[in-house]
Amino acid sequence: ATLAAALAEARDAEAMEAVRCSAMERQTKRLEEEVGRLHDDAQDAREALRRERSMAEEEITLARSAAVAAEERASEAEVAAEDEVREAMKMAQFSWELREA
């Protein structure tokens, strides 16, 4: 009877160990799947950041180009205004000389 009880106890312990092992294997599989998802999410986030950085760099380049173009237009307008002032002064001088004459 003691041997039979010991065998039954050993079988119970073995069955319990098998149940624990199975539960641990399922938990390990879930954790591995979660790690895989987290890895994929991190990869997606890195790619999104690369795209955003690229778009930001492109916007900066466009803004710099627009600023250079605006500076050129302002410089041209300044030169044109100076030319107009000189021309107006010549006309005023000529008109003054005509009156004097």
Protein backbone atom coordinates (compact mmCIF):
# COMPACT_ATOMS: atom_id res chain seq x y z
CA ALA A 1 0.00 0.00 0.00
CA THR A 2 2.84 2.34 0.75
CA LEU A 3 4.44 1.59 -2.60
CA ALA A 4 1.16 2.19 -4.40
CA ALA A 5 0.69 5.44 -2.50
CA ALA A 6 4.24 6.51 -3.34
CA LEU A 7 3.67 5.70 -7.02
CA ALA A 8 0.39 7.61 -7.03
CA GLU A 9 2.08 10.55 -5.34
CA ALA A 10 4.92 10.44 -7.87
CA ARG A 11 2.41 10.34 -10.75
CA ASP A 12 0.54 13.29 -9.25
CA ALA A 13 3.79 15.22 -8.85
CA GLU A 14 4.76 14.33 -12.43
CA ALA A 15 1.34 15.43 -13.69
CA MET A 16 1.60 18.69 -11.74
CA GLU A 17 5.09 19.27 -13.15
CA ALA A 18 3.76 18.63 -16.68
CA VAL A 19 0.96 21.13 -16.09
CA ARG A 20 3.44 23.74 -14.78
CA CYS A 21 5.77 23.07 -17.69
CA SER A 22 2.94 23.47 -20.18
CA ALA A 23 1.83 26.72 -18.54
CA MET A 24 5.40 28.04 -18.61
CA GLU A 25 5.76 27.10 -22.29
CA ARG A 26 2.51 28.96 -23.11
CA GLN A 27 3.72 31.99 -21.10
CA THR A 28 7.09 31.86 -22.88
CA LYS A 29 5.37 31.73 -26.26
CA ARG A 30 3.14 34.73 -25.34
CA LEU A 31 6.19 36.68 -24.16
CA GLU A 32 8.09 35.86 -27.36
CA GLU A 33 5.13 37.04 -29.43
CA GLU A 34 4.92 40.24 -27.38
CA VAL A 35 8.66 40.84 -27.82
CA GLY A 36 8.20 40.35 -31.57
CA ARG A 37 5.36 42.88 -31.65
CA LEU A 38 7.38 45.36 -29.61
CA HIS A 39 10.33 44.91 -31.95
CA ASP A 40 8.08 45.53 -34.96
CA ASP A 41 6.57 48.60 -33.28
CA ALA A 42 10.03 49.97 -32.52
CA GLN A 43 11.10 49.37 -36.13
CA ASP A 44 7.97 51.17 -37.38
CA ALA A 45 8.64 54.07 -35.02
CA ARG A 46 12.25 54.37 -36.22
CA GLU A 47 11.09 54.38 -39.84
CA ALA A 48 8.44 57.03 -39.08
CA LEU A 49 11.09 59.19 -37.40
CA ARG A 50 13.37 58.82 -40.42
CA ARG A 51 10.54 59.91 -42.72
CA GLU A 52 9.66 62.88 -40.49
CA ARG A 53 13.30 63.96 -40.28
CA SER A 54 13.63 63.71 -44.05
CA MET A 55 10.48 65.81 -44.56
CA ALA A 56 11.70 68.37 -42.01
CA GLU A 57 15.07 68.62 -43.76
CA GLU A 58 13.28 69.10 -47.07
CA GLU A 59 11.09 71.85 -45.57
CA ILE A 60 14.19 73.56 -44.15
CA THR A 61 15.87 73.43 -47.55
CA LEU A 62 12.77 74.91 -49.22
CA ALA A 63 12.53 77.63 -46.56
CA ARG A 64 16.20 78.52 -47.04
CA SER A 65 15.73 78.69 -50.80
CA ALA A 66 12.68 80.92 -50.35
CA ALA A 67 14.64 83.17 -47.98
CA VAL A 68 17.50 83.49 -50.47
CA ALA A 69 15.03 84.29 -53.25
CA ALA A 70 13.30 86.89 -51.05
CA GLU A 71 16.67 88.48 -50.21
CA GLU A 72 17.52 88.65 -53.92
CA ARG A 73 14.16 90.26 -54.74
CA ALA A 74 14.60 92.75 -51.89
CA SER A 75 18.10 93.61 -53.11
CA GLU A 76 16.83 94.07 -56.67
CA ALA A 77 13.97 96.25 -55.41
CA GLU A 78 16.43 98.33 -53.39
CA VAL A 79 18.67 98.84 -56.44
CA ALA A 80 15.63 99.73 -58.56
CA ALA A 81 14.43 102.22 -55.91
CA GLU A 82 17.89 103.81 -55.76
CA ASP A 83 17.89 104.09 -59.57
CA GLU A 84 14.44 105.72 -59.48
CA VAL A 85 15.61 108.20 -56.83
CA ARG A 86 18.68 109.10 -58.91
CA GLU A 87 16.53 109.47 -62.01
CA ALA A 88 14.04 111.66 -60.10
CA MET A 89 16.90 113.81 -58.81
CA LYS A 90 18.26 114.21 -62.38
CA MET A 91 14.80 115.19 -63.59
CA ALA A 92 14.41 117.68 -60.74
CA GLN A 93 17.86 119.13 -61.49
CA PHE A 94 17.03 119.36 -65.19
CA SER A 95 13.68 120.99 -64.42
CA TRP A 96 15.42 123.46 -62.09
CA GLU A 97 18.00 124.26 -64.75
CA LEU A 98 15.23 124.86 -67.31
CA ARG A 99 13.53 127.30 -64.93
CA GLU A 100 16.80 129.08 -64.31
CA ALA A 101 17.47 129.43 -67.98
